């Protein structure tokens, strides 16, 4: 302090010396002048006020001794004022230095807290990312190219303790428990205990992530793993992130009502907030492009309704807009359901977890081939178009109404050697489950190789045929086709008949039973068989002999 006073006096000594010596003389002159002026005013006042007792000689000059006394008195006052000024300036400077030192210390402490916050934030995000990959691989059975082993930093307790002015004790306890769970998961990974890893992964994920989004964690969330966090954990992570970014007014918590914003300024959580968890309210998340990813309504700590969208093949699609049951299962609304291959299975409405109303069912392939496009009722087809382009499709096409999930009335086309109500390869219309107008094949004869069956009567399949013969349940017996006597038939027809016969013989070599089909035409529901000619026949085999041969070889 004394040093500062001395510096202030030395910096202004010329000005101060000038003031010290000049000001007293000027002050005495001005005081004398003021006194004379006062006396002149007093003579004017005399006519109104009696001033006979006040005697002032304005003509007399100031005595030398009095002048010196006045001079040094004023100088003393002046020096005192200067010293007081210097002391005041030194005090101000000292206060500024103290504040600067305090600010520097506070800033150092703040930077230390920010550093710890950043370490905890990104360390946990890394571990949560590994946990997500484990869940997608082990629980959802999706393929992840590489899963890293969780690593625990020994300084995590120290860094976590630095956040005591950022987080509440309860929130620090939550992170402490989370680190403990990650330590258990790390131990299981190191020991290659797959079942334990799976159990711990499922347990942690059930608490850490939003439960209604668990099955969709294989999808791309723009790399924002924190968007999957349950509000209990998101609130904590957001506070840590707010400290790192030195954000202000990004959340408010008054009277158990929480309002919290994302970094982009959009509201994330809004509602009744009890013991660190959203009880009643809304949890929403927007991506960096401003697209609404999800909006979930909570009641009594459970999601009762929600809307979720994400990217499918670079297209932003609504995945569900639905109500949930008390177990967190999709109950009623619109939804996209996926195969295990991540291909779209169903896109439409459901009611009480069953297909209901309009919806499209797809095949499990990358081309999104439509199986059924139409109206559903209680999980069964009611009206619409059915297609099946697979190689072994029973029904290739149907457009009409359904009864008990089966074609009932409409236009139908059966697959190669596929039957519907014992009619094969039918193409035409059906009415009330019966053929109406169209062409197909019906059974003509059944060619059974009884000699082969009798030789292998210890086989279960062969035993069944023998039992059916004994009980007269076999509808058809072996018959040999009559070869046409005409020799003038066209070469093309002969060639085709030959191929049909060769097919039949090949089937007889391979199968226990060969069924002969004959082309039939329906008109207004009445069937009419074509001529008993090989040109109008097809053959179908049942019960392969190869399996029986392999069994006997064993």
Protein backbone atom coordinates (compact mmCIF):
# COMPACT_ATOMS: atom_id res chain seq x y z
CA UNK A 1 0.00 0.00 0.00
CA UNK A 2 2.79 2.49 1.00
CA UNK A 3 4.62 1.63 -2.19
CA UNK A 4 1.53 2.42 -4.26
CA UNK A 5 1.08 5.78 -2.45
CA UNK A 6 4.71 6.63 -3.13
CA UNK A 7 4.32 5.70 -6.81
CA UNK A 8 1.22 7.91 -7.15
CA UNK A 9 3.09 10.91 -5.57
CA UNK A 10 6.22 10.38 -7.69
CA UNK A 11 4.23 10.12 -10.90
CA UNK A 12 2.58 13.52 -10.25
CA UNK A 13 5.19 15.35 -8.10
CA UNK A 14 5.63 18.45 -10.36
CA UNK A 15 1.90 19.06 -10.51
CA UNK A 16 1.53 18.47 -6.78
CA UNK A 17 4.38 20.85 -5.82
CA UNK A 18 2.90 23.56 -8.03
CA UNK A 19 -0.52 23.08 -6.45
CA UNK A 20 0.93 23.06 -2.91
CA UNK A 21 2.70 26.43 -3.28
CA UNK A 22 0.31 28.31 -5.52
CA UNK A 23 -3.07 27.31 -4.15
CA UNK A 24 -2.62 28.89 -0.62
CA UNK A 25 -1.82 32.36 -2.05
CA UNK A 26 -4.69 32.17 -4.50
CA UNK A 27 -7.01 30.94 -1.78
CA UNK A 28 -6.07 33.86 0.61
CA UNK A 29 -6.64 36.39 -2.18
CA UNK A 30 -10.01 34.93 -3.05
CA UNK A 31 -11.09 34.80 0.59
CA UNK A 32 -10.12 38.46 1.08
CA UNK A 33 -12.02 39.44 -2.05
CA UNK A 34 -15.02 37.47 -0.90
CA UNK A 35 -14.93 39.19 2.49
CA UNK A 36 -14.98 42.65 0.92
CA UNK A 37 -17.81 41.63 -1.36
CA UNK A 38 -19.68 40.38 1.67
CA UNK A 39 -19.27 43.70 3.45
CA UNK A 40 -20.67 45.63 0.49
CA UNK A 41 -23.66 43.35 0.50
CA UNK A 42 -23.94 43.89 4.25
CA UNK A 43 -24.23 47.72 3.81
CA UNK A 44 -27.23 47.11 1.54
CA UNK A 45 -28.76 44.77 4.08
CA UNK A 46 -28.13 47.40 6.83
CA UNK A 47 -31.29 49.28 5.89
CA UNK A 48 -33.32 46.19 6.68
CA UNK A 49 -31.27 44.52 9.49
CA UNK A 50 -29.45 46.06 12.47
CA UNK A 51 -25.71 45.26 11.98
CA UNK A 52 -24.34 47.89 14.39
CA UNK A 53 -22.59 45.26 16.48
CA UNK A 54 -20.66 43.84 13.46
CA UNK A 55 -17.50 45.92 12.77
CA UNK A 56 -15.26 44.94 9.80
CA UNK A 57 -12.45 47.15 8.47
CA UNK A 58 -12.23 46.39 4.78
CA UNK A 59 -9.51 49.00 4.13
CA UNK A 60 -6.90 47.42 6.40
CA UNK A 61 -4.34 45.06 4.83
CA UNK A 62 -3.59 41.52 6.11
CA UNK A 63 -0.73 41.40 8.58
CA UNK A 64 2.35 39.42 7.58
CA UNK A 65 2.06 37.01 10.50
CA UNK A 66 -1.58 36.36 9.77
CA UNK A 67 -0.82 35.86 6.08
CA UNK A 68 1.88 33.29 6.88
CA UNK A 69 -0.43 31.56 9.34
CA UNK A 70 -3.22 31.44 6.77
CA UNK A 71 -0.80 30.27 4.07
CA UNK A 72 0.57 27.31 6.02
CA UNK A 73 -2.85 26.36 7.34
CA UNK A 74 -4.20 26.12 3.81
CA UNK A 75 -1.04 24.29 2.72
CA UNK A 76 -1.51 21.75 5.52
CA UNK A 77 -5.11 21.16 4.45
CA UNK A 78 -3.90 20.84 0.88
CA UNK A 79 -1.16 18.34 1.69
CA UNK A 80 -3.63 16.30 3.72
CA UNK A 81 -6.01 16.23 0.76
CA UNK A 82 -3.22 15.19 -1.62
CA UNK A 83 -2.12 12.38 0.67
CA UNK A 84 -5.73 11.24 1.01
CA UNK A 85 -6.08 11.26 -2.77
CA UNK A 86 -2.89 9.23 -3.19
CA UNK A 87 -4.07 6.79 -0.55
CA UNK A 88 -7.45 6.44 -2.28
CA UNK A 89 -5.83 5.74 -5.63
CA UNK A 90 -3.56 3.16 -4.05
CA UNK A 91 -6.56 1.52 -2.39
CA UNK A 92 -8.44 1.37 -5.70
CA UNK A 93 -5.44 -0.16 -7.43
CA UNK A 94 -5.08 -2.70 -4.65
CA UNK A 95 -8.74 -3.65 -4.98
CA UNK A 96 -8.34 -4.04 -8.72
CA UNK A 97 -5.36 -6.31 -8.24
CA UNK A 98 -7.24 -8.37 -5.66
CA UNK A 99 -10.19 -8.75 -7.98
CA UNK A 100 -7.91 -9.68 -10.87
CA UNK A 101 -6.17 -12.32 -8.75
CA UNK A 102 -9.51 -13.69 -7.57
CA UNK A 103 -10.85 -13.73 -11.14
CA UNK A 104 -7.73 -15.54 -12.29
CA UNK A 105 -8.10 -18.12 -9.55
CA UNK A 106 -11.80 -18.53 -10.32
CA UNK A 107 -11.04 -18.91 -14.02
CA UNK A 108 -8.38 -21.50 -13.24
CA UNK A 109 -10.86 -23.45 -11.11
CA UNK A 110 -13.52 -23.07 -13.81
CA UNK A 111 -11.15 -24.36 -16.50
CA UNK A 112 -10.31 -27.30 -14.28
CA UNK A 113 -14.02 -28.11 -13.86
CA UNK A 114 -14.57 -27.73 -17.63
CA UNK A 115 -11.68 -30.07 -18.31
CA UNK A 116 -13.12 -32.69 -15.94
CA UNK A 117 -16.57 -32.20 -17.47
CA UNK A 118 -15.19 -32.75 -20.96
CA UNK A 119 -13.33 -35.90 -19.90
CA UNK A 120 -16.40 -37.39 -18.19
CA UNK A 121 -18.72 -36.40 -21.06
CA UNK A 122 -16.72 -37.92 -23.92
CA UNK A 123 -15.53 -40.88 -21.87
CA UNK A 124 -19.11 -41.88 -21.09
CA UNK A 125 -20.26 -41.25 -24.67
CA UNK A 126 -17.54 -43.62 -25.88
CA UNK A 127 -18.63 -46.32 -23.44
CA UNK A 128 -22.30 -45.80 -24.30
CA UNK A 129 -21.44 -46.20 -27.98
CA UNK A 130 -19.79 -49.56 -27.25
CA UNK A 131 -22.82 -50.57 -25.16
CA UNK A 132 -25.13 -49.71 -28.07
CA UNK A 133 -23.07 -51.87 -30.44
CA UNK A 134 -23.19 -54.75 -27.95
CA UNK A 135 -26.96 -54.43 -27.65
CA UNK A 136 -27.46 -54.33 -31.42
CA UNK A 137 -25.23 -57.39 -31.88
CA UNK A 138 -26.12 -59.59 -28.91
CA UNK A 139 -29.73 -58.65 -28.20
CA UNK A 140 -31.07 -57.52 -31.59
CA UNK A 141 -28.87 -60.02 -33.48
CA UNK A 142 -27.75 -57.39 -35.97
CA UNK A 143 -24.27 -57.41 -37.46
CA UNK A 144 -21.69 -54.88 -36.23
CA UNK A 145 -18.29 -54.96 -37.91
CA UNK A 146 -16.23 -54.33 -34.76
CA UNK A 147 -16.96 -54.01 -31.05
CA UNK A 148 -14.27 -52.49 -28.84
CA UNK A 149 -13.62 -53.50 -25.26
CA UNK A 150 -14.68 -50.96 -22.64
CA UNK A 151 -11.75 -49.33 -20.83
CA UNK A 152 -12.03 -47.74 -17.38
CA UNK A 153 -9.83 -44.71 -16.61
CA UNK A 154 -8.52 -44.72 -13.03
CA UNK A 155 -9.07 -40.95 -12.75
CA UNK A 156 -12.83 -41.10 -13.34
CA UNK A 157 -13.64 -40.69 -9.62
CA UNK A 158 -11.43 -37.60 -9.37
CA UNK A 159 -12.93 -36.07 -12.51
CA UNK A 160 -16.45 -36.87 -11.38
CA UNK A 161 -15.84 -35.20 -8.01
CA UNK A 162 -14.88 -31.98 -9.82
CA UNK A 163 -18.47 -31.73 -11.07
CA UNK A 164 -19.98 -31.31 -7.60
CA UNK A 165 -20.86 -27.68 -8.39
CA UNK A 166 -22.37 -28.67 -11.75
CA UNK A 167 -24.44 -31.70 -10.74
CA UNK A 168 -26.46 -32.52 -7.66
CA UNK A 169 -25.38 -35.31 -5.31
CA UNK A 170 -28.11 -37.54 -6.70
CA UNK A 171 -26.91 -36.98 -10.26
CA UNK A 172 -23.30 -37.73 -9.28
CA UNK A 173 -24.50 -40.94 -7.62
CA UNK A 174 -26.26 -41.91 -10.86
CA UNK A 175 -23.02 -41.52 -12.85
CA UNK A 176 -21.08 -43.34 -10.12
CA UNK A 177 -23.43 -46.31 -10.48
CA UNK A 178 -23.14 -46.15 -14.28
CA UNK A 179 -19.34 -46.32 -14.08
CA UNK A 180 -19.67 -49.29 -11.74
CA UNK A 181 -21.85 -51.12 -14.28
CA UNK A 182 -19.36 -50.38 -17.05
CA UNK A 183 -16.60 -51.83 -14.86
CA UNK A 184 -18.58 -55.07 -14.55
CA UNK A 185 -19.13 -55.14 -18.30
CA UNK A 186 -15.42 -54.60 -18.92
CA UNK A 187 -14.54 -57.51 -16.65
CA UNK A 188 -16.97 -59.80 -18.48
CA UNK A 189 -15.55 -58.70 -21.86
CA UNK A 190 -11.98 -59.36 -20.76
CA UNK A 191 -12.98 -62.83 -19.54
CA UNK A 192 -14.82 -63.47 -22.83
CA UNK A 193 -17.92 -64.46 -20.88
CA UNK A 194 -20.47 -63.94 -23.65
CA UNK A 195 -23.55 -64.83 -21.61
CA UNK A 196 -22.57 -62.47 -18.78
CA UNK A 197 -21.77 -59.73 -21.29
CA UNK A 198 -25.19 -60.27 -22.83
CA UNK A 199 -26.98 -60.13 -19.46
CA UNK A 200 -25.14 -56.99 -18.31
CA UNK A 201 -25.67 -55.32 -21.69
CA UNK A 202 -29.40 -55.97 -21.53
CA UNK A 203 -29.62 -54.76 -17.92
CA UNK A 204 -27.71 -51.50 -18.44
CA UNK A 205 -29.43 -50.73 -21.74
CA UNK A 206 -32.86 -51.20 -20.20
CA UNK A 207 -32.10 -48.38 -17.76
CA UNK A 208 -29.89 -46.13 -19.86
CA UNK A 209 -31.79 -45.94 -23.15
CA UNK A 210 -35.36 -44.95 -24.01
CA UNK A 211 -37.21 -48.25 -23.73
CA UNK A 212 -39.57 -47.77 -26.70
CA UNK A 213 -36.56 -47.09 -28.97
CA UNK A 214 -34.44 -50.08 -27.92
CA UNK A 215 -35.51 -52.19 -30.92
CA UNK A 216 -34.55 -49.36 -33.29
CA UNK A 217 -31.00 -48.79 -31.98
CA UNK A 218 -29.57 -50.41 -35.11
CA UNK A 219 -30.78 -47.38 -37.06
CA UNK A 220 -28.70 -44.28 -37.75
CA UNK A 221 -29.23 -41.48 -35.25
CA UNK A 222 -26.81 -39.12 -37.01
CA UNK A 223 -24.06 -40.22 -34.62
CA UNK A 224 -25.85 -38.55 -31.70
CA UNK A 225 -25.79 -41.41 -29.21
CA UNK A 226 -27.05 -39.06 -26.49
CA UNK A 227 -30.36 -38.80 -28.35
CA UNK A 228 -31.10 -42.39 -27.31
CA UNK A 229 -30.65 -41.71 -23.60
CA UNK A 230 -33.53 -41.96 -21.15
CA UNK A 231 -34.45 -38.51 -19.81
CA UNK A 232 -32.94 -39.39 -16.40
CA UNK A 233 -29.50 -39.64 -18.03
CA UNK A 234 -30.01 -37.08 -20.78
CA UNK A 235 -30.64 -34.35 -18.19
CA UNK A 236 -27.29 -35.13 -16.54
CA UNK A 237 -25.40 -35.24 -19.82
CA UNK A 238 -27.00 -31.99 -20.94
CA UNK A 239 -25.85 -30.23 -17.76
CA UNK A 240 -22.30 -31.46 -18.33
CA UNK A 241 -22.47 -30.35 -21.97
CA UNK A 242 -23.81 -26.96 -20.86
CA UNK A 243 -20.79 -26.53 -18.59
CA UNK A 244 -18.39 -27.42 -21.38
CA UNK A 245 -19.97 -24.87 -23.75
CA UNK A 246 -20.48 -22.24 -21.01
CA UNK A 247 -24.17 -22.08 -21.91
CA UNK A 248 -26.67 -20.00 -19.98
CA UNK A 249 -30.43 -20.31 -19.61
CA UNK A 250 -30.70 -23.62 -21.45
CA UNK A 251 -32.86 -25.09 -18.70
CA UNK A 252 -35.06 -24.08 -15.79
CA UNK A 253 -36.28 -26.12 -12.85
CA UNK A 254 -38.95 -24.43 -10.79
CA UNK A 255 -41.64 -26.05 -8.65
CA UNK A 256 -40.79 -29.49 -10.09
CA UNK A 257 -41.37 -28.21 -13.64
CA UNK A 258 -38.39 -28.80 -15.91
CA UNK A 259 -37.76 -27.07 -19.23
CA UNK A 260 -34.55 -28.10 -20.99
CA UNK A 261 -33.30 -27.20 -24.48
CA UNK A 262 -30.95 -28.93 -26.89
CA UNK A 263 -27.85 -27.11 -28.12
CA UNK A 264 -29.86 -26.04 -31.20
CA UNK A 265 -32.37 -24.23 -28.98
CA UNK A 266 -35.23 -26.71 -29.47
CA UNK A 267 -37.00 -27.88 -26.33
CA UNK A 268 -35.93 -31.44 -25.42
CA UNK A 269 -37.73 -32.04 -22.11
CA UNK A 270 -40.76 -30.20 -20.77
CA UNK A 271 -42.92 -31.36 -17.90
CA UNK A 272 -43.21 -32.51 -14.30
CA UNK A 273 -39.79 -33.48 -13.00
CA UNK A 274 -39.61 -35.64 -9.85
CA UNK A 275 -36.33 -36.92 -8.31
CA UNK A 276 -34.40 -36.44 -11.52
CA UNK A 277 -36.91 -38.20 -13.79
CA UNK A 278 -39.68 -36.93 -16.08
CA UNK A 279 -42.97 -38.09 -14.57
CA UNK A 280 -45.54 -36.34 -16.77
CA UNK A 281 -44.63 -34.38 -19.88
CA UNK A 282 -42.96 -34.53 -23.27
CA UNK A 283 -39.52 -35.66 -24.43
CA UNK A 284 -38.61 -34.57 -27.98
CA UNK A 285 -35.47 -34.62 -30.10
CA UNK A 286 -34.57 -32.73 -33.29
CA UNK A 287 -31.61 -33.52 -35.53
CA UNK A 288 -29.17 -30.92 -36.86
CA UNK A 289 -31.39 -30.35 -39.91
CA UNK A 290 -34.36 -29.46 -37.73
CA UNK A 291 -36.18 -32.75 -38.39
CA UNK A 292 -38.22 -34.13 -35.50
CA UNK A 293 -36.72 -37.53 -34.69
CA UNK A 294 -39.05 -38.40 -31.86
CA UNK A 295 -41.70 -36.94 -29.59
CA UNK A 296 -42.74 -39.06 -26.61
CA UNK A 297 -45.55 -38.37 -24.14
CA UNK A 298 -44.97 -39.55 -20.56
CA UNK A 299 -47.56 -40.31 -17.92
CA UNK A 300 -46.56 -41.67 -14.52
CA UNK A 301 -42.98 -42.20 -15.77
CA UNK A 302 -44.11 -44.36 -18.75
CA UNK A 303 -44.36 -43.56 -22.46
CA UNK A 304 -48.04 -43.72 -23.41
CA UNK A 305 -47.84 -42.22 -26.91
CA UNK A 306 -45.10 -41.38 -29.34
CA UNK A 307 -43.95 -40.37 -32.79
CA UNK A 308 -40.61 -41.53 -34.20
CA UNK A 309 -38.98 -40.87 -37.59
CA UNK A 310 -35.60 -41.72 -39.08
CA UNK A 311 -33.81 -42.34 -42.35
CA UNK A 312 -34.48 -45.50 -44.39
CA UNK A 313 -32.29 -45.75 -47.49
CA UNK A 314 -31.65 -41.98 -47.36
CA UNK A 315 -35.39 -41.26 -47.13
CA UNK A 316 -36.73 -39.62 -43.99
CA UNK A 317 -39.63 -41.86 -42.96
CA UNK A 318 -42.09 -41.91 -40.09
CA UNK A 319 -41.43 -45.18 -38.24
CA UNK A 320 -44.34 -44.97 -35.84
CA UNK A 321 -47.08 -42.66 -34.62
CA UNK A 322 -48.66 -44.84 -32.02
CA UNK A 323 -50.05 -45.46 -28.56
CA UNK A 324 -48.24 -47.83 -26.19
CA UNK A 325 -49.66 -50.35 -23.73
CA UNK A 326 -48.68 -50.51 -20.06
CA UNK A 327 -45.69 -52.74 -20.93
CA UNK A 328 -44.27 -50.25 -23.42
CA UNK A 329 -45.33 -52.30 -26.46
CA UNK A 330 -46.71 -50.70 -29.63
CA UNK A 331 -50.47 -51.02 -29.32
CA UNK A 332 -52.58 -48.90 -31.68
CA UNK A 333 -51.63 -46.53 -34.49
CA UNK A 334 -49.40 -46.42 -37.56
CA UNK A 335 -46.08 -48.28 -37.66
CA UNK A 336 -43.31 -49.69 -39.84
CA UNK A 337 -42.21 -53.18 -38.74
CA UNK A 338 -38.87 -54.63 -39.85
CA UNK A 339 -37.50 -58.10 -40.58
CA UNK A 340 -34.35 -59.23 -38.75
CA UNK A 341 -32.53 -58.31 -41.96
CA UNK A 342 -33.59 -54.65 -41.38
CA UNK A 343 -35.82 -54.81 -44.45
CA UNK A 344 -39.32 -53.35 -44.13
CA UNK A 345 -41.86 -56.05 -43.31
CA UNK A 346 -45.08 -54.11 -42.73
CA UNK A 347 -46.06 -50.49 -43.27
CA UNK A 348 -49.51 -49.60 -42.05
CA UNK A 349 -51.90 -49.49 -39.12
CA UNK A 350 -52.25 -51.79 -36.15
CA UNK A 351 -54.81 -52.16 -33.38
CA UNK A 352 -54.08 -53.99 -30.14
CA UNK A 353 -50.78 -55.18 -31.69
CA UNK A 354 -52.49 -56.74 -34.76
CA UNK A 355 -52.62 -55.53 -38.36
CA UNK A 356 -55.77 -53.44 -38.70
CA UNK A 357 -57.01 -51.17 -41.47
CA UNK A 358 -54.85 -50.29 -44.45
CA UNK A 359 -51.36 -51.76 -44.59
CA UNK A 360 -48.72 -53.19 -46.92
CA UNK A 361 -46.88 -56.45 -46.23
CA UNK A 362 -43.48 -56.88 -47.93
CA UNK A 363 -41.24 -59.81 -48.77
CA UNK A 364 -37.90 -60.03 -46.98
CA UNK A 365 -35.72 -58.74 -49.80
CA UNK A 366 -33.94 -55.56 -50.80
CA UNK A 367 -36.47 -54.78 -53.55
CA UNK A 368 -39.39 -54.28 -51.13
CA UNK A 369 -41.57 -56.66 -53.17
CA UNK A 370 -45.19 -56.35 -52.03
CA UNK A 371 -46.90 -59.46 -50.66
CA UNK A 372 -50.19 -57.85 -49.73
CA UNK A 373 -51.55 -54.36 -50.27
CA UNK A 374 -54.97 -53.77 -48.78
CA UNK A 375 -57.22 -53.87 -45.74
CA UNK A 376 -56.56 -55.96 -42.63
CA UNK A 377 -58.90 -57.01 -39.84
CA UNK A 378 -57.63 -58.39 -36.54
CA UNK A 379 -54.34 -59.40 -38.12
CA UNK A 380 -55.92 -61.17 -41.11
CA UNK A 381 -56.32 -60.13 -44.72
CA UNK A 382 -59.77 -58.75 -45.49
CA UNK A 383 -59.60 -57.13 -48.92
CA UNK A 384 -56.79 -56.27 -51.30
CA UNK A 385 -54.11 -57.51 -53.69
CA UNK A 386 -51.83 -60.44 -52.81
CA UNK A 387 -48.65 -61.22 -54.75
CA UNK A 388 -45.92 -63.79 -54.26
CA UNK A 389 -43.08 -63.86 -56.79
CA UNK A 390 -41.06 -66.49 -54.96
CA UNK A 391 -40.13 -69.69 -56.79
CA UNK A 392 -42.36 -71.97 -54.73
CA UNK A 393 -45.29 -69.61 -54.33
CA UNK A 394 -48.63 -71.38 -53.84
CA UNK A 395 -50.63 -68.32 -54.86
CA UNK A 396 -48.89 -65.97 -57.26
CA UNK A 397 -51.67 -63.38 -57.38
CA UNK A 398 -55.04 -62.66 -55.82
CA UNK A 399 -57.19 -59.55 -55.85
CA UNK A 400 -60.40 -59.61 -53.87
CA UNK A 401 -61.87 -60.35 -50.47
CA UNK A 402 -60.66 -62.83 -47.88
CA UNK A 403 -62.30 -65.09 -45.32
CA UNK A 404 -60.28 -66.28 -42.33
CA UNK A 405 -57.13 -64.91 -44.01
CA UNK A 406 -57.68 -67.04 -47.16
CA UNK A 407 -58.80 -65.94 -50.66
CA UNK A 408 -62.60 -65.99 -50.80
CA UNK A 409 -63.97 -64.02 -53.75
CA UNK A 410 -61.93 -62.43 -56.53
CA UNK A 411 -59.31 -63.03 -59.20
CA UNK A 412 -56.61 -65.64 -58.50
CA UNK A 413 -53.55 -67.24 -60.10
CA UNK A 414 -51.87 -70.30 -58.56
CA UNK A 415 -48.19 -71.16 -58.82
CA UNK A 416 -46.65 -74.01 -60.76
CA UNK A 417 -48.10 -77.33 -59.50
CA UNK A 418 -49.63 -75.51 -56.50
CA UNK A 419 -53.14 -76.25 -55.33
CA UNK A 420 -56.06 -74.38 -53.86
CA UNK A 421 -58.99 -76.53 -52.71
CA UNK A 422 -57.41 -79.52 -54.54
CA UNK A 423 -57.16 -77.56 -57.80
CA UNK A 424 -53.70 -77.03 -59.32
CA UNK A 425 -52.34 -74.07 -61.33
CA UNK A 426 -55.75 -72.44 -61.46
CA UNK A 427 -56.05 -69.07 -63.15
CA UNK A 428 -59.38 -67.26 -63.09
CA UNK A 429 -61.97 -66.14 -60.58
CA UNK A 430 -63.29 -67.69 -57.40
CA UNK A 431 -66.50 -66.99 -55.52
CA UNK A 432 -67.06 -67.78 -51.86
CA UNK A 433 -63.97 -70.00 -51.83
CA UNK A 434 -64.93 -72.03 -54.93
CA UNK A 435 -63.68 -71.89 -58.51
CA UNK A 436 -65.98 -69.79 -60.67
CA UNK A 437 -64.55 -68.99 -64.12
CA UNK A 438 -61.05 -70.11 -65.10
CA UNK A 439 -58.69 -72.93 -66.06
CA UNK A 440 -56.60 -75.25 -63.87
CA UNK A 441 -55.77 -78.91 -63.18
CA UNK A 442 -57.58 -81.51 -61.08
CA UNK A 443 -56.45 -84.98 -59.99
CA UNK A 444 -56.96 -87.68 -62.60
CA UNK A 445 -55.10 -90.70 -61.24
CA UNK A 446 -52.50 -91.38 -58.55
CA UNK A 447 -49.59 -93.62 -59.59
CA UNK A 448 -48.18 -95.39 -56.53
CA UNK A 449 -45.11 -97.65 -56.69
CA UNK A 450 -46.48 -100.41 -54.43
CA UNK A 451 -43.63 -102.82 -55.17
CA UNK A 452 -41.05 -100.31 -53.89
CA UNK A 453 -43.18 -99.52 -50.86
CA UNK A 454 -43.58 -103.21 -49.97
CA UNK A 455 -39.81 -103.75 -50.23
CA UNK A 456 -39.24 -100.90 -47.74
CA UNK A 457 -42.12 -101.55 -45.40
CA UNK A 458 -39.94 -100.70 -42.38
CA UNK A 459 -39.95 -97.03 -43.43
CA UNK A 460 -42.54 -94.76 -41.81
CA UNK A 461 -43.66 -93.19 -45.09
CA UNK A 462 -44.08 -96.58 -46.72
CA UNK A 463 -45.98 -97.86 -43.70
CA UNK A 464 -48.44 -95.01 -44.05
CA UNK A 465 -49.19 -95.98 -47.66
CA UNK A 466 -49.63 -99.61 -46.71
CA UNK A 467 -52.01 -98.71 -43.89
CA UNK A 468 -54.05 -96.48 -46.18
CA UNK A 469 -54.35 -99.29 -48.73
CA UNK A 470 -55.54 -101.67 -46.09
CA UNK A 471 -58.15 -99.19 -44.92
CA UNK A 472 -59.17 -98.40 -48.49
CA UNK A 473 -58.25 -94.77 -47.89
CA UNK A 474 -56.16 -94.52 -50.97
CA UNK A 475 -58.36 -92.88 -53.55
CA UNK A 476 -56.42 -93.99 -56.59
CA UNK A 477 -54.78 -97.18 -57.87
CA UNK A 478 -52.00 -97.69 -60.28
CA UNK A 479 -53.11 -97.34 -63.86
CA UNK A 480 -51.19 -97.51 -67.08
CA UNK A 481 -52.05 -94.83 -69.61
CA UNK A 482 -53.31 -96.07 -72.95
CA UNK A 483 -50.98 -95.09 -75.74
CA UNK A 484 -52.95 -93.51 -78.60
CA UNK A 485 -53.22 -95.69 -81.69
CA UNK A 486 -53.24 -92.78 -84.12
CA UNK A 487 -49.95 -92.46 -85.95
CA UNK A 488 -50.79 -89.36 -87.86
CA UNK A 489 -50.63 -86.94 -84.98
CA UNK A 490 -48.47 -83.93 -85.37
CA UNK A 491 -44.80 -84.25 -84.45
CA UNK A 492 -45.06 -81.43 -81.95
CA UNK A 493 -47.83 -83.17 -80.02
CA UNK A 494 -45.95 -86.47 -80.05
CA UNK A 495 -42.85 -84.78 -78.76
CA UNK A 496 -44.81 -83.08 -76.01
CA UNK A 497 -46.50 -86.32 -75.00
CA UNK A 498 -43.11 -87.98 -74.87
CA UNK A 499 -41.82 -85.29 -72.52
CA UNK A 500 -44.87 -85.66 -70.30
CA UNK A 501 -44.35 -89.42 -70.11
CA UNK A 502 -40.65 -89.03 -69.38
CA UNK A 503 -41.46 -86.59 -66.60
CA UNK A 504 -43.90 -89.08 -65.12
CA UNK A 505 -41.32 -91.89 -65.27
CA UNK A 506 -38.64 -89.74 -63.67
CA UNK A 507 -41.01 -88.80 -60.88
CA UNK A 508 -41.89 -92.47 -60.35
CA UNK A 509 -38.18 -93.21 -59.90
CA UNK A 510 -37.83 -90.45 -57.31
CA UNK A 511 -41.13 -90.45 -55.42
CA UNK A 512 -43.35 -92.94 -53.67
CA UNK A 513 -46.50 -91.37 -55.10
CA UNK A 514 -47.01 -89.54 -58.37
CA UNK A 515 -50.27 -87.65 -58.85
CA UNK A 516 -51.60 -87.13 -62.35
CA UNK A 517 -53.33 -83.80 -62.93
CA UNK A 518 -55.63 -83.03 -65.83
CA UNK A 519 -56.52 -79.58 -67.08
CA UNK A 520 -60.00 -78.42 -66.09
CA UNK A 521 -62.13 -75.43 -66.99
CA UNK A 522 -64.66 -73.76 -64.71
CA UNK A 523 -67.70 -71.93 -65.99
CA UNK A 524 -69.94 -70.29 -63.41
CA UNK A 525 -68.54 -72.64 -60.81
CA UNK A 526 -69.04 -75.83 -62.85
CA UNK A 527 -65.83 -77.79 -63.65
CA UNK A 528 -65.30 -79.48 -67.02
CA UNK A 529 -62.25 -81.67 -67.59
CA UNK A 530 -60.30 -81.53 -70.81
CA UNK A 531 -59.77 -84.62 -72.96
CA UNK A 532 -57.85 -87.47 -71.29
CA UNK A 533 -54.71 -86.72 -73.26
CA UNK A 534 -51.08 -86.36 -72.17
CA UNK A 535 -51.16 -82.90 -73.69
CA UNK A 536 -53.59 -81.91 -70.96
CA UNK A 537 -51.75 -83.56 -68.07
CA UNK A 538 -49.13 -82.72 -65.48
CA UNK A 539 -47.56 -84.82 -62.74
CA UNK A 540 -46.70 -84.11 -59.11
CA UNK A 541 -44.55 -86.28 -56.80
CA UNK A 542 -44.85 -86.93 -53.04
CA UNK A 543 -42.49 -88.72 -50.63
CA UNK A 544 -38.90 -88.91 -51.91
CA UNK A 545 -37.23 -92.31 -52.13
CA UNK A 546 -33.77 -90.78 -51.69
CA UNK A 547 -34.32 -90.21 -47.96
CA UNK A 548 -35.33 -93.85 -47.54
CA UNK A 549 -32.23 -95.01 -49.44
CA UNK A 550 -29.98 -92.93 -47.19
CA UNK A 551 -31.61 -94.37 -44.07
CA UNK A 552 -31.07 -97.94 -45.31
CA UNK A 553 -27.44 -97.19 -46.14
CA UNK A 554 -26.94 -96.05 -42.55
